[in-house]
Amino acid sequence: MAFYQHESAIVDDGAQIGDDSRVWHFVHVCGGAQIGKGVSLGQNVFVGNKVTIGDHCKIQNNVSVYDNVYLEEGVFCGPSMVFTNVYNPRSLIERKDQYLDTIVKKGATLGANCTVVCGVTIGEYVFVGAGAVINKDVPAYALMVGVPAKQIGWMSEYGEQLDLPLEGNAEVACSETGDIYQLVGKVLTKKS
């Protein structure tokens, strides 16, 4: 076995889990899941059938990654954060044919106890603060906080807040790496 699985974890037949991944206590991975290499699934994590988790993601304790959630490389899911997959659920009405895709792009951080309402795309290296509720698409590098979440700034790939306005034309260097970020309008890109 190329990945570690704690004896209390359940990995259903058919699940694909990459090398050097770790499946900790009381995890359940469904048979259709595709999980990359170097992934950590913390205690009490659930991974649905129609789920992709990219290389080097960290899914902390008590997170359920339901069907139609797709995580790219290096996504961090903080403890007890929540994904949904039906926009208007009812126990008495079957809506499995109404699952909405949720896409979390490379390097994004989803803080502890935040909620991601289904049907959104969260851009590269976004930083969602603890307890925030994401209910719409989020641009790359945005710093999001609150209920519902609002953008209050920009973050570097390293995870440091950048001294930039929310919109306009500006450049700034990350204080930790020296990488240059350029803001044009409401779009931030990394130049170097």
N, C-alpha and C. Protein backbone atom coordinates (compact mmCIF):
# COMPACT_ATOMS: atom_id res chain seq x y z
N MET A 1 0.86 -1.19 0.00
CA MET A 1 0.00 0.00 0.00
C MET A 1 0.89 1.24 0.00
N ALA A 2 0.65 2.14 -0.94
CA ALA A 2 1.49 3.31 -1.12
C ALA A 2 1.06 4.48 -0.26
N PHE A 3 -0.05 4.33 0.49
CA PHE A 3 -0.52 5.39 1.38
C PHE A 3 -0.77 4.78 2.75
N TYR A 4 -0.78 5.62 3.79
CA TYR A 4 -1.05 5.16 5.14
C TYR A 4 -2.55 5.21 5.41
N GLN A 5 -3.08 4.14 5.99
CA GLN A 5 -4.49 4.09 6.38
C GLN A 5 -4.58 3.61 7.81
N HIS A 6 -5.14 4.43 8.69
CA HIS A 6 -5.36 4.01 10.07
C HIS A 6 -6.35 2.86 10.09
N GLU A 7 -6.21 1.97 11.05
CA GLU A 7 -7.06 0.77 11.11
C GLU A 7 -8.55 1.09 11.28
N SER A 8 -8.89 2.27 11.81
CA SER A 8 -10.30 2.64 11.98
C SER A 8 -10.90 3.28 10.72
N ALA A 9 -10.08 3.59 9.73
CA ALA A 9 -10.55 4.24 8.50
C ALA A 9 -11.16 3.22 7.56
N ILE A 10 -12.13 3.67 6.76
CA ILE A 10 -12.78 2.83 5.75
C ILE A 10 -12.49 3.44 4.38
N VAL A 11 -11.86 2.67 3.52
CA VAL A 11 -11.62 3.08 2.14
C VAL A 11 -12.33 2.06 1.26
N ASP A 12 -13.41 2.48 0.61
CA ASP A 12 -14.21 1.57 -0.21
C ASP A 12 -13.44 1.15 -1.45
N ASP A 13 -13.74 -0.06 -1.93
CA ASP A 13 -13.13 -0.57 -3.15
C ASP A 13 -13.37 0.40 -4.29
N GLY A 14 -12.33 0.65 -5.07
CA GLY A 14 -12.41 1.55 -6.22
C GLY A 14 -11.84 2.92 -5.96
N ALA A 15 -11.73 3.32 -4.70
CA ALA A 15 -11.16 4.63 -4.40
C ALA A 15 -9.70 4.67 -4.86
N GLN A 16 -9.30 5.80 -5.42
CA GLN A 16 -7.92 5.98 -5.85
C GLN A 16 -7.25 6.98 -4.91
N ILE A 17 -6.18 6.53 -4.26
CA ILE A 17 -5.46 7.38 -3.31
C ILE A 17 -3.98 7.34 -3.68
N GLY A 18 -3.38 8.52 -3.86
CA GLY A 18 -2.01 8.63 -4.31
C GLY A 18 -0.98 8.30 -3.25
N ASP A 19 0.25 8.12 -3.73
CA ASP A 19 1.39 7.80 -2.86
C ASP A 19 1.57 8.86 -1.78
N ASP A 20 2.03 8.39 -0.63
CA ASP A 20 2.39 9.24 0.51
C ASP A 20 1.21 10.01 1.11
N SER A 21 -0.01 9.61 0.78
CA SER A 21 -1.17 10.22 1.42
C SER A 21 -1.43 9.53 2.76
N ARG A 22 -2.14 10.23 3.65
CA ARG A 22 -2.42 9.71 4.98
C ARG A 22 -3.92 9.80 5.26
N VAL A 23 -4.50 8.67 5.64
CA VAL A 23 -5.93 8.55 5.92
C VAL A 23 -6.05 8.23 7.41
N TRP A 24 -6.44 9.21 8.21
CA TRP A 24 -6.38 9.08 9.66
C TRP A 24 -7.66 8.48 10.26
N HIS A 25 -7.80 8.56 11.57
CA HIS A 25 -8.84 7.90 12.34
C HIS A 25 -10.26 8.22 11.84
N PHE A 26 -11.08 7.19 11.71
CA PHE A 26 -12.51 7.31 11.44
C PHE A 26 -12.84 8.03 10.13
N VAL A 27 -11.93 7.98 9.17
CA VAL A 27 -12.17 8.55 7.85
C VAL A 27 -12.98 7.55 7.02
N HIS A 28 -13.87 8.04 6.15
CA HIS A 28 -14.56 7.19 5.17
C HIS A 28 -14.35 7.79 3.79
N VAL A 29 -13.72 7.02 2.91
CA VAL A 29 -13.51 7.41 1.52
C VAL A 29 -14.37 6.50 0.65
N CYS A 30 -15.30 7.08 -0.12
CA CYS A 30 -16.17 6.30 -0.99
C CYS A 30 -15.41 5.81 -2.23
N GLY A 31 -15.95 4.78 -2.86
CA GLY A 31 -15.27 4.07 -3.93
C GLY A 31 -14.98 4.87 -5.18
N GLY A 32 -15.72 5.93 -5.45
CA GLY A 32 -15.48 6.71 -6.66
C GLY A 32 -14.52 7.87 -6.48
N ALA A 33 -14.03 8.09 -5.28
CA ALA A 33 -13.16 9.23 -4.99
C ALA A 33 -11.81 9.10 -5.68
N GLN A 34 -11.28 10.24 -6.11
CA GLN A 34 -9.93 10.30 -6.68
C GLN A 34 -9.13 11.28 -5.84
N ILE A 35 -8.12 10.75 -5.16
CA ILE A 35 -7.32 11.53 -4.23
C ILE A 35 -5.86 11.46 -4.67
N GLY A 36 -5.21 12.60 -4.73
CA GLY A 36 -3.85 12.70 -5.22
C GLY A 36 -2.81 12.22 -4.22
N LYS A 37 -1.56 12.53 -4.54
CA LYS A 37 -0.44 12.12 -3.69
C LYS A 37 -0.16 13.18 -2.62
N GLY A 38 0.38 12.70 -1.50
CA GLY A 38 0.76 13.61 -0.43
C GLY A 38 -0.41 14.31 0.24
N VAL A 39 -1.59 13.72 0.20
CA VAL A 39 -2.80 14.31 0.79
C VAL A 39 -2.94 13.83 2.23
N SER A 40 -3.42 14.70 3.12
CA SER A 40 -3.72 14.32 4.49
C SER A 40 -5.22 14.46 4.73
N LEU A 41 -5.86 13.35 5.13
CA LEU A 41 -7.27 13.36 5.50
C LEU A 41 -7.35 13.18 7.00
N GLY A 42 -7.68 14.24 7.74
CA GLY A 42 -7.70 14.22 9.19
C GLY A 42 -8.82 13.38 9.76
N GLN A 43 -8.84 13.30 11.07
CA GLN A 43 -9.82 12.47 11.77
C GLN A 43 -11.25 12.85 11.39
N ASN A 44 -12.09 11.82 11.15
CA ASN A 44 -13.52 11.99 10.91
C ASN A 44 -13.83 12.73 9.61
N VAL A 45 -12.98 12.58 8.60
CA VAL A 45 -13.24 13.16 7.28
C VAL A 45 -14.07 12.19 6.47
N PHE A 46 -15.02 12.71 5.68
CA PHE A 46 -15.79 11.93 4.73
C PHE A 46 -15.49 12.45 3.33
N VAL A 47 -15.26 11.52 2.38
CA VAL A 47 -15.01 11.89 0.98
C VAL A 47 -16.00 11.13 0.12
N GLY A 48 -16.84 11.85 -0.62
CA GLY A 48 -17.88 11.25 -1.46
C GLY A 48 -17.33 10.57 -2.70
N ASN A 49 -18.25 10.02 -3.51
CA ASN A 49 -17.89 9.30 -4.72
C ASN A 49 -17.42 10.20 -5.84
N LYS A 50 -18.16 11.26 -6.10
CA LYS A 50 -17.85 12.14 -7.23
C LYS A 50 -17.05 13.34 -6.72
N VAL A 51 -15.82 13.03 -6.27
CA VAL A 51 -14.94 14.01 -5.65
C VAL A 51 -13.54 13.83 -6.21
N THR A 52 -12.88 14.94 -6.46
CA THR A 52 -11.45 14.91 -6.81
C THR A 52 -10.72 15.79 -5.81
N ILE A 53 -9.66 15.24 -5.23
CA ILE A 53 -8.81 15.98 -4.30
C ILE A 53 -7.40 15.94 -4.88
N GLY A 54 -6.85 17.10 -5.22
CA GLY A 54 -5.54 17.19 -5.86
C GLY A 54 -4.40 16.87 -4.92
N ASP A 55 -3.21 16.78 -5.51
CA ASP A 55 -1.99 16.50 -4.75
C ASP A 55 -1.78 17.53 -3.64
N HIS A 56 -1.26 17.06 -2.52
CA HIS A 56 -0.79 17.90 -1.40
C HIS A 56 -1.89 18.73 -0.75
N CYS A 57 -3.14 18.28 -0.84
CA CYS A 57 -4.21 18.95 -0.09
C CYS A 57 -4.17 18.49 1.36
N LYS A 58 -4.63 19.36 2.24
CA LYS A 58 -4.76 19.02 3.66
C LYS A 58 -6.22 19.24 4.05
N ILE A 59 -6.91 18.14 4.41
CA ILE A 59 -8.30 18.20 4.84
C ILE A 59 -8.28 17.93 6.34
N GLN A 60 -8.54 18.95 7.13
CA GLN A 60 -8.43 18.82 8.58
C GLN A 60 -9.63 18.07 9.16
N ASN A 61 -9.62 17.85 10.47
CA ASN A 61 -10.64 17.05 11.14
C ASN A 61 -12.06 17.55 10.88
N ASN A 62 -12.98 16.57 10.80
CA ASN A 62 -14.43 16.84 10.75
C ASN A 62 -14.89 17.59 9.50
N VAL A 63 -14.29 17.30 8.36
CA VAL A 63 -14.70 17.91 7.10
C VAL A 63 -15.32 16.83 6.21
N SER A 64 -16.47 17.14 5.61
CA SER A 64 -17.10 16.25 4.64
C SER A 64 -16.97 16.87 3.26
N VAL A 65 -16.32 16.14 2.36
CA VAL A 65 -16.15 16.59 0.98
C VAL A 65 -17.16 15.80 0.16
N TYR A 66 -18.32 16.43 -0.09
CA TYR A 66 -19.44 15.76 -0.71
C TYR A 66 -19.29 15.68 -2.23
N ASP A 67 -20.17 14.88 -2.86
CA ASP A 67 -20.17 14.75 -4.32
C ASP A 67 -20.22 16.12 -4.99
N ASN A 68 -19.51 16.21 -6.12
CA ASN A 68 -19.44 17.42 -6.95
C ASN A 68 -18.57 18.52 -6.36
N VAL A 69 -17.68 18.15 -5.41
CA VAL A 69 -16.67 19.08 -4.91
C VAL A 69 -15.34 18.65 -5.50
N TYR A 70 -14.64 19.62 -6.10
CA TYR A 70 -13.38 19.35 -6.78
C TYR A 70 -12.31 20.29 -6.23
N LEU A 71 -11.29 19.71 -5.62
CA LEU A 71 -10.20 20.49 -5.03
C LEU A 71 -8.95 20.31 -5.88
N GLU A 72 -8.36 21.42 -6.32
CA GLU A 72 -7.12 21.35 -7.07
C GLU A 72 -5.94 21.18 -6.10
N GLU A 73 -4.74 21.20 -6.63
CA GLU A 73 -3.53 20.96 -5.84
C GLU A 73 -3.39 21.96 -4.70
N GLY A 74 -2.96 21.46 -3.53
CA GLY A 74 -2.55 22.32 -2.43
C GLY A 74 -3.65 23.08 -1.72
N VAL A 75 -4.87 22.59 -1.78
CA VAL A 75 -5.97 23.25 -1.06
C VAL A 75 -5.92 22.85 0.41
N PHE A 76 -6.14 23.82 1.29
CA PHE A 76 -6.21 23.59 2.73
C PHE A 76 -7.65 23.78 3.19
N CYS A 77 -8.22 22.75 3.79
CA CYS A 77 -9.57 22.81 4.36
C CYS A 77 -9.44 22.76 5.88
N GLY A 78 -9.73 23.88 6.54
CA GLY A 78 -9.57 23.97 7.98
C GLY A 78 -10.55 23.10 8.74
N PRO A 79 -10.28 22.89 10.03
CA PRO A 79 -11.13 22.01 10.85
C PRO A 79 -12.60 22.42 10.80
N SER A 80 -13.46 21.43 10.59
CA SER A 80 -14.91 21.58 10.65
C SER A 80 -15.49 22.56 9.63
N MET A 81 -14.74 22.86 8.56
CA MET A 81 -15.34 23.69 7.49
C MET A 81 -16.36 22.83 6.75
N VAL A 82 -17.29 23.48 6.02
CA VAL A 82 -18.43 22.78 5.44
C VAL A 82 -18.55 23.06 3.95
N PHE A 83 -18.73 21.98 3.18
CA PHE A 83 -19.15 22.08 1.78
C PHE A 83 -20.61 21.65 1.71
N THR A 84 -21.37 22.23 0.76
CA THR A 84 -22.71 21.74 0.47
C THR A 84 -22.74 21.31 -0.99
N ASN A 85 -23.77 20.57 -1.41
CA ASN A 85 -23.87 20.22 -2.82
C ASN A 85 -25.27 20.39 -3.40
N VAL A 86 -26.25 20.74 -2.57
CA VAL A 86 -27.60 21.06 -3.03
C VAL A 86 -27.93 22.46 -2.49
N TYR A 87 -28.41 23.33 -3.39
CA TYR A 87 -28.65 24.72 -3.00
C TYR A 87 -29.85 24.88 -2.07
N ASN A 88 -30.89 24.11 -2.30
CA ASN A 88 -32.11 24.25 -1.50
C ASN A 88 -32.60 22.88 -1.01
N PRO A 89 -31.87 22.25 -0.09
CA PRO A 89 -32.20 20.89 0.32
C PRO A 89 -33.49 20.81 1.15
N ARG A 90 -34.18 19.69 0.98
CA ARG A 90 -35.33 19.31 1.81
C ARG A 90 -35.23 17.82 2.04
N SER A 91 -35.47 17.38 3.26
CA SER A 91 -35.44 15.95 3.56
C SER A 91 -36.50 15.18 2.79
N LEU A 92 -37.65 15.79 2.55
CA LEU A 92 -38.77 15.10 1.94
C LEU A 92 -38.76 15.15 0.41
N ILE A 93 -37.76 15.83 -0.17
CA ILE A 93 -37.68 15.94 -1.63
C ILE A 93 -36.30 15.47 -2.08
N GLU A 94 -36.27 14.48 -2.97
CA GLU A 94 -35.02 13.94 -3.50
C GLU A 94 -34.43 14.92 -4.51
N ARG A 95 -33.19 15.36 -4.27
CA ARG A 95 -32.57 16.34 -5.16
C ARG A 95 -31.16 15.92 -5.59
N LYS A 96 -30.89 14.62 -5.61
CA LYS A 96 -29.55 14.16 -6.00
C LYS A 96 -29.22 14.50 -7.44
N ASP A 97 -30.22 14.78 -8.26
CA ASP A 97 -29.98 15.18 -9.65
C ASP A 97 -29.75 16.70 -9.76
N GLN A 98 -29.72 17.39 -8.63
CA GLN A 98 -29.53 18.84 -8.63
C GLN A 98 -28.23 19.27 -7.96
N TYR A 99 -27.29 18.32 -7.78
CA TYR A 99 -26.01 18.69 -7.19
C TYR A 99 -25.33 19.75 -8.06
N LEU A 100 -24.75 20.74 -7.43
CA LEU A 100 -24.02 21.80 -8.12
C LEU A 100 -22.53 21.63 -7.88
N ASP A 101 -21.73 21.86 -8.92
CA ASP A 101 -20.28 21.73 -8.80
C ASP A 101 -19.69 22.86 -7.97
N THR A 102 -18.76 22.51 -7.11
CA THR A 102 -17.96 23.48 -6.37
C THR A 102 -16.51 23.20 -6.72
N ILE A 103 -15.80 24.23 -7.18
CA ILE A 103 -14.41 24.08 -7.60
C ILE A 103 -13.56 24.99 -6.74
N VAL A 104 -12.52 24.41 -6.12
CA VAL A 104 -11.58 25.18 -5.32
C VAL A 104 -10.23 25.06 -6.01
N LYS A 105 -9.70 26.19 -6.46
CA LYS A 105 -8.49 26.23 -7.28
C LYS A 105 -7.22 26.09 -6.42
N LYS A 106 -6.14 25.89 -7.12
CA LYS A 106 -4.82 25.61 -6.53
C LYS A 106 -4.47 26.58 -5.39
N GLY A 107 -4.00 26.00 -4.29
CA GLY A 107 -3.41 26.78 -3.21
C GLY A 107 -4.37 27.52 -2.31
N ALA A 108 -5.68 27.39 -2.51
CA ALA A 108 -6.64 28.14 -1.69
C ALA A 108 -6.68 27.61 -0.26
N THR A 109 -6.97 28.50 0.68
CA THR A 109 -7.14 28.16 2.09
C THR A 109 -8.58 28.44 2.49
N LEU A 110 -9.24 27.43 3.06
CA LEU A 110 -10.60 27.56 3.57
C LEU A 110 -10.53 27.43 5.08
N GLY A 111 -10.70 28.53 5.79
CA GLY A 111 -10.47 28.58 7.22
C GLY A 111 -11.43 27.73 8.04
N ALA A 112 -11.06 27.49 9.28
CA ALA A 112 -11.87 26.67 10.19
C ALA A 112 -13.30 27.18 10.27
N ASN A 113 -14.24 26.24 10.23
CA ASN A 113 -15.66 26.52 10.39
C ASN A 113 -16.26 27.41 9.31
N CYS A 114 -15.56 27.64 8.20
CA CYS A 114 -16.20 28.39 7.12
C CYS A 114 -17.18 27.47 6.39
N THR A 115 -18.09 28.06 5.63
CA THR A 115 -19.07 27.31 4.84
C THR A 115 -18.96 27.75 3.39
N VAL A 116 -18.93 26.77 2.49
CA VAL A 116 -18.90 27.04 1.06
C VAL A 116 -20.22 26.53 0.48
N VAL A 117 -21.09 27.48 0.08
CA VAL A 117 -22.36 27.12 -0.53
C VAL A 117 -22.07 26.62 -1.95
N CYS A 118 -22.73 25.55 -2.34
CA CYS A 118 -22.42 24.87 -3.60
C CYS A 118 -22.63 25.77 -4.82
N GLY A 119 -21.94 25.39 -5.91
CA GLY A 119 -22.10 26.08 -7.18
C GLY A 119 -21.14 27.22 -7.40
N VAL A 120 -20.11 27.35 -6.57
CA VAL A 120 -19.16 28.45 -6.70
C VAL A 120 -17.79 27.94 -7.13
N THR A 121 -17.00 28.87 -7.65
CA THR A 121 -15.59 28.62 -7.94
C THR A 121 -14.77 29.56 -7.07
N ILE A 122 -13.84 28.99 -6.34
CA ILE A 122 -12.94 29.76 -5.47
C ILE A 122 -11.57 29.77 -6.15
N GLY A 123 -11.07 30.97 -6.46
CA GLY A 123 -9.86 31.13 -7.26
C GLY A 123 -8.57 30.69 -6.58
N GLU A 124 -7.50 30.71 -7.38
CA GLU A 124 -6.18 30.31 -6.89
C GLU A 124 -5.75 31.17 -5.71
N TYR A 125 -5.21 30.52 -4.70
CA TYR A 125 -4.59 31.16 -3.54
C TYR A 125 -5.52 32.09 -2.77
N VAL A 126 -6.81 31.90 -2.90
CA VAL A 126 -7.78 32.64 -2.08
C VAL A 126 -7.55 32.27 -0.62
N PHE A 127 -7.85 33.19 0.27
CA PHE A 127 -7.78 32.92 1.71
C PHE A 127 -9.14 33.27 2.31
N VAL A 128 -9.86 32.24 2.77
CA VAL A 128 -11.18 32.42 3.39
C VAL A 128 -10.99 32.35 4.90
N GLY A 129 -11.35 33.42 5.60
CA GLY A 129 -11.19 33.47 7.04
C GLY A 129 -12.10 32.51 7.78
N ALA A 130 -11.74 32.20 9.01
CA ALA A 130 -12.52 31.29 9.85
C ALA A 130 -13.95 31.79 9.99
N GLY A 131 -14.92 30.89 9.81
CA GLY A 131 -16.32 31.20 10.02
C GLY A 131 -17.02 31.92 8.88
N ALA A 132 -16.31 32.26 7.82
CA ALA A 132 -16.91 32.99 6.70
C ALA A 132 -17.88 32.09 5.94
N VAL A 133 -18.82 32.71 5.22
CA VAL A 133 -19.76 31.97 4.38
C VAL A 133 -19.58 32.45 2.94
N ILE A 134 -19.08 31.54 2.09
CA ILE A 134 -18.86 31.85 0.67
C ILE A 134 -20.12 31.44 -0.10
N ASN A 135 -20.76 32.42 -0.75
CA ASN A 135 -21.97 32.12 -1.51
C ASN A 135 -21.91 32.63 -2.95
N LYS A 136 -20.72 33.03 -3.40
CA LYS A 136 -20.52 33.46 -4.79
C LYS A 136 -19.07 33.21 -5.18
N ASP A 137 -18.79 33.27 -6.48
CA ASP A 137 -17.42 33.05 -6.96
C ASP A 137 -16.47 34.05 -6.31
N VAL A 138 -15.21 33.60 -6.13
CA VAL A 138 -14.20 34.42 -5.48
C VAL A 138 -12.99 34.52 -6.41
N PRO A 139 -12.49 35.75 -6.67
CA PRO A 139 -11.34 35.89 -7.57
C PRO A 139 -10.03 35.43 -6.92
N ALA A 140 -9.08 35.06 -7.76
CA ALA A 140 -7.78 34.60 -7.29
C ALA A 140 -7.16 35.60 -6.32
N TYR A 141 -6.51 35.10 -5.29
CA TYR A 141 -5.75 35.85 -4.28
C TYR A 141 -6.60 36.68 -3.31
N ALA A 142 -7.93 36.60 -3.40
CA ALA A 142 -8.78 37.42 -2.54
C ALA A 142 -8.74 36.95 -1.09
N LEU A 143 -8.83 37.89 -0.17
CA LEU A 143 -8.98 37.63 1.26
C LEU A 143 -10.44 37.88 1.61
N MET A 144 -11.14 36.83 2.06
CA MET A 144 -12.59 36.88 2.27
C MET A 144 -12.90 36.62 3.75
N VAL A 145 -13.77 37.46 4.34
CA VAL A 145 -14.20 37.25 5.71
C VAL A 145 -15.67 37.64 5.85
N GLY A 146 -16.32 37.12 6.89
CA GLY A 146 -17.66 37.56 7.24
C GLY A 146 -18.78 36.67 6.72
N VAL A 147 -20.01 37.07 7.11
CA VAL A 147 -21.22 36.33 6.75
C VAL A 147 -22.24 37.33 6.21
N PRO A 148 -22.58 37.29 4.91
CA PRO A 148 -21.86 36.54 3.89
C PRO A 148 -20.48 37.14 3.68
N ALA A 149 -19.57 36.34 3.11
CA ALA A 149 -18.18 36.77 2.97
C ALA A 149 -18.05 37.97 2.04
N LYS A 150 -17.19 38.88 2.43
CA LYS A 150 -16.85 40.05 1.62
C LYS A 150 -15.33 40.10 1.50
N GLN A 151 -14.87 40.60 0.36
CA GLN A 151 -13.43 40.73 0.17
C GLN A 151 -12.92 41.94 0.93
N ILE A 152 -11.87 41.72 1.74
CA ILE A 152 -11.29 42.83 2.49
C ILE A 152 -9.83 43.09 2.11
N GLY A 153 -9.29 42.28 1.20
CA GLY A 153 -7.91 42.48 0.80
C GLY A 153 -7.45 41.41 -0.16
N TRP A 154 -6.12 41.32 -0.29
CA TRP A 154 -5.46 40.37 -1.19
C TRP A 154 -4.38 39.62 -0.42
N MET A 155 -4.14 38.36 -0.81
CA MET A 155 -3.12 37.54 -0.16
C MET A 155 -2.10 37.05 -1.19
N SER A 156 -0.86 36.92 -0.76
CA SER A 156 0.18 36.35 -1.63
C SER A 156 0.07 34.83 -1.62
N GLU A 157 0.78 34.20 -2.54
CA GLU A 157 0.82 32.74 -2.56
C GLU A 157 1.45 32.20 -1.28
N TYR A 158 2.30 32.97 -0.66
CA TYR A 158 2.96 32.57 0.58
C TYR A 158 2.00 32.63 1.77
N GLY A 159 0.92 33.39 1.64
CA GLY A 159 -0.06 33.50 2.72
C GLY A 159 0.08 34.77 3.53
N GLU A 160 0.67 35.80 2.95
CA GLU A 160 0.81 37.09 3.62
C GLU A 160 -0.13 38.10 2.96
N GLN A 161 -0.76 38.95 3.78
CA GLN A 161 -1.64 39.96 3.22
C GLN A 161 -0.82 41.00 2.47
N LEU A 162 -1.29 41.37 1.28
CA LEU A 162 -0.61 42.35 0.44
C LEU A 162 -1.20 43.73 0.66
N ASP A 163 -0.34 44.75 0.65
CA ASP A 163 -0.77 46.13 0.87
C ASP A 163 -1.24 46.71 -0.46
N LEU A 164 -2.49 46.38 -0.79
CA LEU A 164 -3.10 46.80 -2.05
C LEU A 164 -4.54 47.23 -1.82
N PRO A 165 -5.04 48.17 -2.63
CA PRO A 165 -6.47 48.49 -2.56
C PRO A 165 -7.28 47.33 -3.16
N LEU A 166 -8.59 47.30 -2.94
CA LEU A 166 -9.42 46.25 -3.51
C LEU A 166 -9.49 46.34 -5.02
N GLU A 167 -9.37 47.55 -5.57
CA GLU A 167 -9.34 47.70 -7.02
C GLU A 167 -8.51 48.92 -7.39
N GLY A 168 -8.05 48.91 -8.63
CA GLY A 168 -7.21 50.00 -9.13
C GLY A 168 -6.04 49.42 -9.90
N ASN A 169 -5.00 50.23 -10.05
CA ASN A 169 -3.79 49.78 -10.73
C ASN A 169 -2.62 49.99 -9.78
N ALA A 170 -1.98 48.88 -9.40
CA ALA A 170 -0.89 48.97 -8.44
C ALA A 170 -0.04 47.71 -8.51
N GLU A 171 1.18 47.82 -7.98
CA GLU A 171 2.07 46.69 -7.84
C GLU A 171 2.62 46.68 -6.42
N VAL A 172 2.89 45.47 -5.92
CA VAL A 172 3.48 45.35 -4.59
C VAL A 172 4.27 44.05 -4.53
N ALA A 173 5.28 44.04 -3.67
CA ALA A 173 6.07 42.82 -3.46
C ALA A 173 5.62 42.14 -2.18
N CYS A 174 5.58 40.81 -2.20
CA CYS A 174 5.32 40.05 -0.98
C CYS A 174 6.47 40.27 -0.02
N SER A 175 6.17 40.58 1.24
CA SER A 175 7.20 40.89 2.23
C SER A 175 8.07 39.67 2.56
N GLU A 176 7.57 38.48 2.31
CA GLU A 176 8.31 37.26 2.64
C GLU A 176 9.13 36.71 1.48
N THR A 177 8.60 36.80 0.26
CA THR A 177 9.26 36.16 -0.88
C THR A 177 9.84 37.14 -1.88
N GLY A 178 9.36 38.38 -1.87
CA GLY A 178 9.79 39.36 -2.87
C GLY A 178 9.06 39.24 -4.19
N ASP A 179 8.18 38.24 -4.33
CA ASP A 179 7.40 38.10 -5.56
C ASP A 179 6.56 39.35 -5.78
N ILE A 180 6.44 39.75 -7.04
CA ILE A 180 5.71 40.96 -7.40
C ILE A 180 4.29 40.58 -7.84
N TYR A 181 3.30 41.29 -7.29
CA TYR A 181 1.90 41.10 -7.65
C TYR A 181 1.39 42.39 -8.27
N GLN A 182 0.62 42.24 -9.35
CA GLN A 182 0.10 43.39 -10.08
C GLN A 182 -1.42 43.38 -10.06
N LEU A 183 -1.99 44.48 -9.62
CA LEU A 183 -3.44 44.66 -9.60
C LEU A 183 -3.83 45.54 -10.79
N VAL A 184 -4.75 45.03 -11.62
CA VAL A 184 -5.32 45.80 -12.74
C VAL A 184 -6.82 45.70 -12.61
N GLY A 185 -7.44 46.82 -12.24
CA GLY A 185 -8.88 46.81 -11.99
C GLY A 185 -9.18 46.00 -10.73
N LYS A 186 -9.89 44.88 -10.90
CA LYS A 186 -10.22 44.01 -9.78
C LYS A 186 -9.55 42.65 -9.93
N VAL A 187 -8.49 42.58 -10.73
CA VAL A 187 -7.81 41.32 -11.00
C VAL A 187 -6.36 41.41 -10.54
N LEU A 188 -5.95 40.46 -9.68
CA LEU A 188 -4.58 40.41 -9.20
C LEU A 188 -3.87 39.24 -9.85
N THR A 189 -2.65 39.48 -10.33
CA THR A 189 -1.82 38.41 -10.90
C THR A 189 -0.42 38.52 -10.31
N LYS A 190 0.26 37.39 -10.31
CA LYS A 190 1.66 37.35 -9.86
C LYS A 190 2.56 37.54 -11.07
N LYS A 191 3.48 38.51 -11.00
CA LYS A 191 4.36 38.80 -12.13
C LYS A 191 5.62 37.96 -12.11
N SER A 192 6.13 37.66 -10.93
CA SER A 192 7.40 36.92 -10.87
C SER A 192 7.35 35.87 -9.79
